[in-house]
Every structure is written in C-alpha cells, then in structure tokens.
C-alpha cells in the first residue's frame, strides 16, 4: 500500500531512533566504508527476500539501508 512521504520519513525516524539506542556508540567510530558494508549487507537481504507478490519483507531491509544512509550523512554530511 502506498505511503505518504511523511509516513516514510516517520518510519525512517523510528528506525533511526532504534539504531541509535542499539548501536549509537558505533556510529562514532564507523567509517564511510563501514556504513557501505552495512548497507550492502541489508541490500543483499532485501534482494533475497524480494517477492513481487509480497514486498513487505524486502521493504523491511530497504528501510534499514535507508536509515543507515541517514546515519552516515549525519556523521559525514550530505555530500553537497
């Protein structure tokens, strides 16, 4: 079911809050390469879980990838 941008951002914010609670100290020591590895790991899981008839499992991993990207940008900037 399609979501609004606000709903998507809320899902990312909720996931980011979870990540900070669980891995907050790691954010301080991770390199950009570390973040890329974490994102690739979850992209691989998303690819494995991909089912066009039921995208929910893959989307859970896509949310994690997106949020890890947010963590990297919080630490290193947006690339602008």
C-alpha atoms as a PDB file:
ATOM      1  CA  UNK A   1       0.000   0.000   0.000  1.00  0.00           C
ATOM      2  CA  UNK A   2       1.488   3.384  -0.984  1.00  0.00           C
ATOM      3  CA  UNK A   3       2.579   5.707   1.804  1.00  0.00           C
ATOM      4  CA  UNK A   4       2.936   9.447   2.021  1.00  0.00           C
ATOM      5  CA  UNK A   5       6.377  10.991   2.251  1.00  0.00           C
ATOM      6  CA  UNK A   6       5.590  11.935   5.840  1.00  0.00           C
ATOM      7  CA  UNK A   7       4.818   8.298   6.690  1.00  0.00           C
ATOM      8  CA  UNK A   8       8.039   7.178   5.032  1.00  0.00           C
ATOM      9  CA  UNK A   9      10.092   9.757   6.930  1.00  0.00           C
ATOM     10  CA  UNK A  10       8.407   8.708  10.177  1.00  0.00           C
ATOM     11  CA  UNK A  11       9.372   5.072   9.513  1.00  0.00           C
ATOM     12  CA  UNK A  12      12.974   6.133   8.896  1.00  0.00           C
ATOM     13  CA  UNK A  13      12.969   8.300  12.034  1.00  0.00           C
ATOM     14  CA  UNK A  14      11.624   5.415  14.115  1.00  0.00           C
ATOM     15  CA  UNK A  15      14.259   3.044  12.714  1.00  0.00           C
ATOM     16  CA  UNK A  16      16.995   5.634  13.282  1.00  0.00           C
ATOM     17  CA  UNK A  17      15.929   6.058  16.920  1.00  0.00           C
ATOM     18  CA  UNK A  18      16.138   2.275  17.292  1.00  0.00           C
ATOM     19  CA  UNK A  19      19.613   2.201  15.725  1.00  0.00           C
ATOM     20  CA  UNK A  20      20.874   4.988  17.991  1.00  0.00           C
ATOM     21  CA  UNK A  21      19.582   3.110  21.025  1.00  0.00           C
ATOM     22  CA  UNK A  22      21.211  -0.113  19.923  1.00  0.00           C
ATOM     23  CA  UNK A  23      24.360   0.998  18.086  1.00  0.00           C
ATOM     24  CA  UNK A  24      24.830   4.650  18.994  1.00  0.00           C
ATOM     25  CA  UNK A  25      28.423   4.296  20.080  1.00  0.00           C
ATOM     26  CA  UNK A  26      29.310   2.505  16.844  1.00  0.00           C
ATOM     27  CA  UNK A  27      28.152   5.497  14.822  1.00  0.00           C
ATOM     28  CA  UNK A  28      31.009   7.456  16.382  1.00  0.00           C
ATOM     29  CA  UNK A  29      33.700   5.053  15.180  1.00  0.00           C
ATOM     30  CA  UNK A  30      32.295   3.805  11.859  1.00  0.00           C
ATOM     31  CA  UNK A  31      33.996   4.899   8.655  1.00  0.00           C
ATOM     32  CA  UNK A  32      32.152   5.583   5.427  1.00  0.00           C
ATOM     33  CA  UNK A  33      33.331   2.145   4.309  1.00  0.00           C
ATOM     34  CA  UNK A  34      31.731   0.559   7.380  1.00  0.00           C
ATOM     35  CA  UNK A  35      28.405   2.187   6.571  1.00  0.00           C
ATOM     36  CA  UNK A  36      28.663   0.963   2.964  1.00  0.00           C
ATOM     37  CA  UNK A  37      29.303  -2.607   4.135  1.00  0.00           C
ATOM     38  CA  UNK A  38      26.289  -2.485   6.481  1.00  0.00           C
ATOM     39  CA  UNK A  39      24.113  -1.106   3.696  1.00  0.00           C
ATOM     40  CA  UNK A  40      25.303  -3.782   1.250  1.00  0.00           C
ATOM     41  CA  UNK A  41      24.561  -6.494   3.797  1.00  0.00           C
ATOM     42  CA  UNK A  42      20.967  -5.322   4.116  1.00  0.00           C
ATOM     43  CA  UNK A  43      20.636  -4.825   0.340  1.00  0.00           C
ATOM     44  CA  UNK A  44      21.668  -8.454  -0.097  1.00  0.00           C
ATOM     45  CA  UNK A  45      18.992  -9.462   2.423  1.00  0.00           C
ATOM     46  CA  UNK A  46      16.426  -7.316   0.609  1.00  0.00           C
ATOM     47  CA  UNK A  47      17.322  -8.967  -2.688  1.00  0.00           C
ATOM     48  CA  UNK A  48      16.960 -12.430  -1.136  1.00  0.00           C
ATOM     49  CA  UNK A  49      13.614 -11.517   0.433  1.00  0.00           C
ATOM     50  CA  UNK A  50      12.251  -9.872  -2.704  1.00  0.00           C
ATOM     51  CA  UNK A  51       8.848 -11.251  -3.655  1.00  0.00           C
ATOM     52  CA  UNK A  52       6.835  -9.069  -6.050  1.00  0.00           C
ATOM     53  CA  UNK A  53       3.632 -10.511  -4.633  1.00  0.00           C
ATOM     54  CA  UNK A  54       4.632  -9.671  -1.059  1.00  0.00           C
ATOM     55  CA  UNK A  55       7.200  -6.840  -0.878  1.00  0.00           C
ATOM     56  CA  UNK A  56       6.924  -6.428   2.905  1.00  0.00           C
ATOM     57  CA  UNK A  57       9.986  -8.478   3.843  1.00  0.00           C
ATOM     58  CA  UNK A  58      12.237  -6.742   1.317  1.00  0.00           C
ATOM     59  CA  UNK A  59      10.920  -3.343   2.381  1.00  0.00           C
ATOM     60  CA  UNK A  60      11.946  -4.008   5.991  1.00  0.00           C
ATOM     61  CA  UNK A  61      15.530  -4.302   4.784  1.00  0.00           C
ATOM     62  CA  UNK A  62      15.219  -1.304   2.457  1.00  0.00           C
ATOM     63  CA  UNK A  63      14.134   0.759   5.483  1.00  0.00           C
ATOM     64  CA  UNK A  64      17.303  -0.334   7.293  1.00  0.00           C
ATOM     65  CA  UNK A  65      19.503   0.530   4.292  1.00  0.00           C
ATOM     66  CA  UNK A  66      17.910   3.959   4.018  1.00  0.00           C
ATOM     67  CA  UNK A  67      18.353   4.618   7.711  1.00  0.00           C
ATOM     68  CA  UNK A  68      21.985   3.522   7.707  1.00  0.00           C
ATOM     69  CA  UNK A  69      22.473   6.045   4.912  1.00  0.00           C
ATOM     70  CA  UNK A  70      20.921   8.691   7.154  1.00  0.00           C
ATOM     71  CA  UNK A  71      23.371   7.729   9.924  1.00  0.00           C
ATOM     72  CA  UNK A  72      26.290   8.109   7.517  1.00  0.00           C
ATOM     73  CA  UNK A  73      25.062  11.532   6.389  1.00  0.00           C
ATOM     74  CA  UNK A  74      24.567  12.627   9.991  1.00  0.00           C
ATOM     75  CA  UNK A  75      28.205  11.781  10.659  1.00  0.00           C
ATOM     76  CA  UNK A  76      29.879  12.846   7.426  1.00  0.00           C
ATOM     77  CA  UNK A  77      27.496  15.315   5.763  1.00  0.00           C
ATOM     78  CA  UNK A  78      25.162  15.105   2.819  1.00  0.00           C
ATOM     79  CA  UNK A  79      27.714  15.217   0.032  1.00  0.00           C
ATOM     80  CA  UNK A  80      26.702  18.703  -1.063  1.00  0.00           C
END
